[in-house]
Protein backbone atom coordinates (compact mmCIF):
# COMPACT_ATOMS: atom_id res chain seq x y z
CA MET A 1 216.86 173.51 91.38
CA LYS A 2 213.78 174.22 93.50
CA ILE A 3 211.53 172.45 91.02
CA LYS A 4 213.79 169.44 90.81
CA PHE A 5 213.82 169.18 94.58
CA LEU A 6 210.06 169.27 94.84
CA LEU A 7 209.63 166.65 92.16
CA LYS A 8 212.17 164.35 93.79
CA SER A 9 210.73 164.70 97.27
CA SER A 10 207.03 164.42 96.38
CA PRO A 11 205.87 161.54 94.15
CA LEU A 12 202.28 162.69 94.63
CA LEU A 13 203.19 166.08 93.21
CA VAL A 14 204.81 164.40 90.22
CA LEU A 15 201.61 162.46 89.56
CA SER A 16 199.49 165.59 90.00
CA LEU A 17 201.59 167.55 87.53
CA PHE A 18 201.44 164.63 85.07
CA ILE A 19 197.63 164.58 85.25
CA LEU A 20 197.53 168.36 84.96
CA GLY A 21 199.65 168.11 81.83
CA ILE A 22 197.19 165.66 80.27
CA TYR A 23 194.26 167.99 80.95
CA SER A 24 196.22 170.96 79.63
CA THR A 25 196.90 169.08 76.41
CA MET A 26 193.22 168.19 76.12
CA ALA A 27 192.27 171.82 76.66
CA VAL A 28 194.61 172.99 73.94
CA ALA A 29 193.26 170.37 71.56
CA GLY A 30 189.69 171.33 72.51
CA SER A 31 190.34 174.98 71.75
CA GLY A 32 190.72 174.01 68.12
CA ALA A 33 187.23 172.53 67.94
CA GLU A 34 185.21 173.42 64.86
CA SER A 35 183.16 176.59 65.11
CA ILE A 36 180.77 178.66 63.01
CA THR A 37 180.30 182.42 63.10
CA VAL A 38 176.91 183.67 61.95
CA PHE A 39 176.19 187.34 61.22
CA ALA A 40 172.43 187.84 61.40
CA ALA A 41 169.94 190.71 61.28
CA ALA A 42 169.09 192.06 64.74
CA SER A 43 165.44 191.04 64.38
CA THR A 44 166.47 187.37 64.33
CA THR A 45 168.37 187.58 67.64
CA ASN A 46 166.09 185.42 69.77
CA ALA A 47 165.33 182.82 67.11
CA ILE A 48 168.89 182.41 65.82
CA THR A 49 170.30 182.29 69.35
CA GLU A 50 167.95 179.44 70.23
CA ILE A 51 168.55 177.62 66.95
CA GLY A 52 172.30 178.07 67.29
CA LYS A 53 172.26 176.61 70.78
CA MET A 54 170.35 173.56 69.56
CA PHE A 55 172.69 173.12 66.59
CA SER A 56 175.75 173.46 68.80
CA GLU A 57 174.52 170.84 71.27
CA GLN A 58 173.59 168.36 68.55
CA ASN A 59 176.77 168.76 66.51
CA LYS A 60 179.37 169.60 69.16
CA VAL A 61 180.27 172.75 67.26
CA GLU A 62 180.95 176.15 68.81
CA PHE A 63 178.28 178.61 67.65
CA ILE A 64 179.29 182.28 67.55
CA PRO A 65 176.50 184.74 66.60
CA SER A 66 176.77 188.45 65.89
CA PHE A 67 173.61 190.57 65.62
CA ALA A 68 173.22 194.09 64.23
CA SER A 69 171.46 195.85 61.37
CA SER A 70 171.93 194.08 58.03
CA SER A 71 173.84 197.07 56.71
CA THR A 72 176.30 197.13 59.61
CA LEU A 73 176.95 193.40 59.26
CA ALA A 74 177.42 193.65 55.48
CA LYS A 75 180.01 196.39 55.95
CA GLN A 76 181.79 194.34 58.59
CA ILE A 77 181.88 191.31 56.29
CA GLU A 78 183.18 193.54 53.49
CA ASN A 79 185.98 194.57 55.85
CA GLN A 80 186.90 190.90 56.37
CA ALA A 81 185.10 190.21 59.65
CA PRO A 82 185.34 186.43 60.25
CA ALA A 83 181.78 185.43 59.32
CA ASN A 84 180.92 182.07 57.80
CA LEU A 85 177.28 182.85 57.09
CA TYR A 86 175.18 185.99 56.63
CA ILE A 87 171.44 186.39 57.26
CA SER A 88 170.09 189.65 55.87
CA ALA A 89 166.68 191.22 56.51
CA ASN A 90 166.45 192.56 52.97
CA TYR A 91 167.88 192.07 49.49
CA LYS A 92 169.73 195.38 49.34
CA TRP A 93 172.62 194.35 51.56
CA MET A 94 172.83 190.78 50.33
CA ASP A 95 173.01 192.12 46.78
CA TYR A 96 175.66 194.58 47.95
CA LEU A 97 177.91 191.69 48.98
CA LYS A 98 177.00 189.73 45.86
CA GLU A 99 178.17 192.57 43.63
CA LYS A 100 181.48 192.61 45.45
CA LYS A 101 181.75 188.82 45.11
CA ILE A 102 181.97 188.42 48.88
CA ILE A 103 179.19 185.87 49.25
CA ASN A 104 178.87 182.45 47.64
CA ASN A 105 175.83 183.33 45.55
CA SER A 106 175.08 179.71 44.64
CA SER A 107 174.38 179.05 48.33
CA ARG A 108 171.90 181.92 48.66
CA PHE A 109 168.24 181.27 49.45
CA ASP A 110 165.22 183.02 50.97
CA LEU A 111 164.45 181.70 54.44
CA LEU A 112 161.86 183.91 56.14
CA SER A 113 159.32 186.68 55.72
CA ASN A 114 158.03 189.23 58.23
CA ARG A 115 155.58 192.14 58.71
CA ILE A 116 156.09 195.69 59.97
CA VAL A 117 153.79 197.11 62.62
CA LEU A 118 153.14 200.31 64.51
CA ILE A 119 153.67 200.01 68.27
CA VAL A 120 153.05 202.10 71.39
CA PRO A 121 154.19 201.73 75.01
CA ALA A 122 152.02 199.21 76.88
CA ASP A 123 150.42 201.96 78.99
CA SER A 124 149.64 204.26 76.04
CA SER A 125 146.10 205.60 75.70
CA ILE A 126 146.20 204.80 71.97
CA LYS A 127 144.25 201.60 71.33
CA LYS A 128 144.14 201.14 67.57
CA ILE A 129 145.31 203.01 64.48
CA ASP A 130 143.84 202.47 61.05
CA ILE A 131 146.93 202.56 58.85
CA LYS A 132 145.69 203.81 55.51
CA ALA A 133 146.39 206.54 52.95
CA ASN A 134 147.01 209.92 54.57
CA PHE A 135 146.33 208.80 58.15
CA ASP A 136 147.33 211.56 60.58
CA LEU A 137 150.49 210.12 62.09
CA SER A 138 151.87 213.58 62.84
CA LYS A 139 148.92 214.38 65.10
CA LEU A 140 149.30 211.05 66.88
CA LEU A 141 152.97 211.81 67.56
CA GLY A 142 152.23 215.25 69.00
CA ASN A 143 155.54 216.60 70.25
CA GLY A 144 157.09 213.15 70.26
CA TYR A 145 159.23 211.30 67.73
CA LEU A 146 158.57 208.17 65.70
CA SER A 147 161.09 205.48 66.63
CA MET A 148 162.33 203.42 63.70
CA GLY A 149 165.48 201.96 62.24
CA ASP A 150 167.44 204.52 60.26
CA PRO A 151 165.57 204.50 56.91
CA ASP A 152 168.79 205.20 55.05
CA HIS A 153 170.22 201.77 55.80
CA VAL A 154 168.32 199.69 58.42
CA PRO A 155 165.91 197.29 56.66
CA ALA A 156 162.97 197.80 59.05
CA GLY A 157 163.39 201.54 58.60
CA ILE A 158 163.63 201.20 54.83
CA TYR A 159 160.37 199.25 54.72
CA GLY A 160 158.73 201.72 57.10
CA LYS A 161 159.71 204.73 55.02
CA GLN A 162 158.53 203.02 51.83
CA SER A 163 155.15 202.38 53.38
CA LEU A 164 154.74 205.88 54.76
CA GLU A 165 155.74 207.39 51.42
CA ASN A 166 153.26 205.25 49.54
CA LEU A 167 150.54 206.15 52.04
CA GLY A 168 151.30 209.86 51.59
CA VAL A 169 152.41 210.32 55.21
CA TRP A 170 156.20 210.53 55.15
CA ASP A 171 156.57 214.23 54.34
CA SER A 172 154.45 215.18 57.36
CA ILE A 173 156.63 213.27 59.86
CA LYS A 174 160.10 213.04 58.28
CA ASP A 175 161.41 215.67 60.70
CA LYS A 176 159.92 213.81 63.67
CA VAL A 177 161.86 210.55 63.29
CA ALA A 178 164.16 209.07 65.93
CA ARG A 179 166.59 207.09 63.77
CA SER A 180 167.96 203.99 65.48
CA LYS A 181 170.97 201.84 64.62
CA ASP A 182 168.79 198.73 64.27
CA VAL A 183 165.24 197.52 64.89
CA ARG A 184 165.96 196.38 68.47
CA ALA A 185 167.17 199.87 69.36
CA ALA A 186 163.96 201.28 67.87
CA LEU A 187 161.94 198.89 70.00
CA MET A 188 163.84 199.93 73.12
CA LEU A 189 162.91 203.61 72.75
CA VAL A 190 159.21 202.71 72.79
CA GLU A 191 159.65 200.23 75.63
CA ARG A 192 161.16 203.02 77.72
CA GLY A 193 158.41 205.44 76.79
CA GLU A 194 160.91 207.76 75.11
CA SER A 195 158.95 207.56 71.86
CA PRO A 196 155.13 207.44 71.73
CA LEU A 197 155.10 205.34 68.53
CA GLY A 198 157.49 203.09 66.68
CA ILE A 199 157.80 201.00 63.55
CA ILE A 200 159.28 197.55 64.07
CA TYR A 201 158.76 193.96 62.90
CA VAL A 202 155.87 191.99 64.33
CA THR A 203 158.47 189.46 65.53
CA ASP A 204 160.19 192.09 67.69
CA ALA A 205 156.89 193.14 69.24
CA ALA A 206 156.30 189.51 70.18
CA ILE A 207 159.31 189.31 72.51
CA THR A 208 158.20 191.98 75.00
CA LYS A 209 155.16 192.93 77.06
CA LYS A 210 156.30 196.53 77.31
CA VAL A 211 154.76 197.51 73.97
CA ARG A 212 151.50 196.92 72.12
CA ILE A 213 150.75 196.65 68.41
CA VAL A 214 148.17 199.24 67.35
CA GLY A 215 148.35 198.75 63.60
CA THR A 216 149.85 196.62 60.85
CA PHE A 217 151.17 198.18 57.66
CA PRO A 218 149.55 196.98 54.41
CA GLU A 219 151.90 194.52 52.70
CA GLU A 220 151.32 196.18 49.35
CA SER A 221 152.62 199.50 50.72
CA HIS A 222 156.25 198.32 50.86
CA SER A 223 158.66 195.83 49.32
CA SER A 224 158.34 192.20 50.39
CA ILE A 225 160.15 191.60 53.67
CA LEU A 226 162.35 188.63 52.90
CA TYR A 227 165.30 187.30 54.87
CA SER A 228 167.97 185.72 52.70
CA VAL A 229 170.86 183.51 53.75
CA ALA A 230 174.24 182.93 52.11
CA LEU A 231 177.67 181.57 52.88
CA VAL A 232 180.57 184.01 52.88
CA ALA A 233 182.93 183.23 50.01
CA GLY A 234 185.99 181.34 51.16
CA LYS A 235 184.38 180.56 54.54
CA GLU A 236 182.29 177.55 53.44
CA THR A 237 183.36 175.20 56.21
CA PRO A 238 181.63 171.86 56.90
CA ALA A 239 180.03 173.37 60.01
CA ALA A 240 178.70 176.31 58.00
CA LEU A 241 177.21 173.97 55.40
CA ASP A 242 175.63 171.87 58.14
CA PHE A 243 174.13 174.94 59.79
CA MET A 244 172.59 176.07 56.51
CA LYS A 245 170.93 172.68 56.22
CA PHE A 246 169.81 172.89 59.85
CA LEU A 247 168.03 176.18 59.15
CA LYS A 248 165.69 174.24 56.85
CA THR A 249 164.79 171.53 59.37
CA GLN A 250 161.46 171.20 61.14
CA GLU A 251 163.23 171.93 64.43
CA ALA A 252 164.43 175.31 63.20
CA LYS A 253 161.08 176.04 61.55
CA SER A 254 159.26 175.53 64.85
CA ILE A 255 161.56 178.03 66.58
CA PHE A 256 161.18 180.65 63.85
CA GLU A 257 157.40 180.30 63.94
CA LYS A 258 157.41 180.59 67.73
CA TYR A 259 158.87 184.07 67.31
CA GLY A 260 156.36 185.05 64.63
CA PHE A 261 158.33 184.56 61.41
CA THR A 262 156.83 183.00 58.32
CA VAL A 263 159.18 180.24 57.15
CA LEU A 264 159.72 179.94 53.42
CA GLN A 265 162.02 176.89 53.55
CA ASN A 266 161.65 173.56 55.32
């Protein structure tokens, strides 16, 4: 009765509620706008965020990124996380999803390559390290720990361990490793000065002034660092297909190169 009275006694209120109803309807309709969810390796955070923003603005599509280690993301996708597209920092985890028939393998392609480097805090007294067979990494660490992605599942850590094994160094430092959940976490430990040395991608070193590169690992000492992309099976929406195409454009290439990646597709 109170509502009826107000409506009857206030034409302006009636008009206001009518307009409000129109906007509410528009909002509900807008909430169903097309979107794309991209699960991408942590090392691509800055580049993919920027590319996603550009794609979203140009295509009026909601862009939803999720960044973590490739292994964590693969497990989440396996457990039916709502991803449309997966960008992995190594073949192991993309192949893992392929074997389980979770990705659309016909859509898969290699997009980027990267390098792993040895870093120190910006104020470290270490200037340069010659990364070669049997270099004394243990002595350089002293009582500290080497920060790196967990070599059991984080791609950057896997590459780092491969290199150190091939250089004959791993056994001397394997008990002095601070294992991080992803490469960005490994970077953070060195930024804070909690680790005197760390192994990360050159692209991660490029985003901060809190660390310095003191050595680059020989490419022949580890597997090729390749980032592959694929659609998640059953999630091949028009927006996802468009984003895959956008990753190969000159606009996207320029952003990837700005962050230090080598682009394999354009």
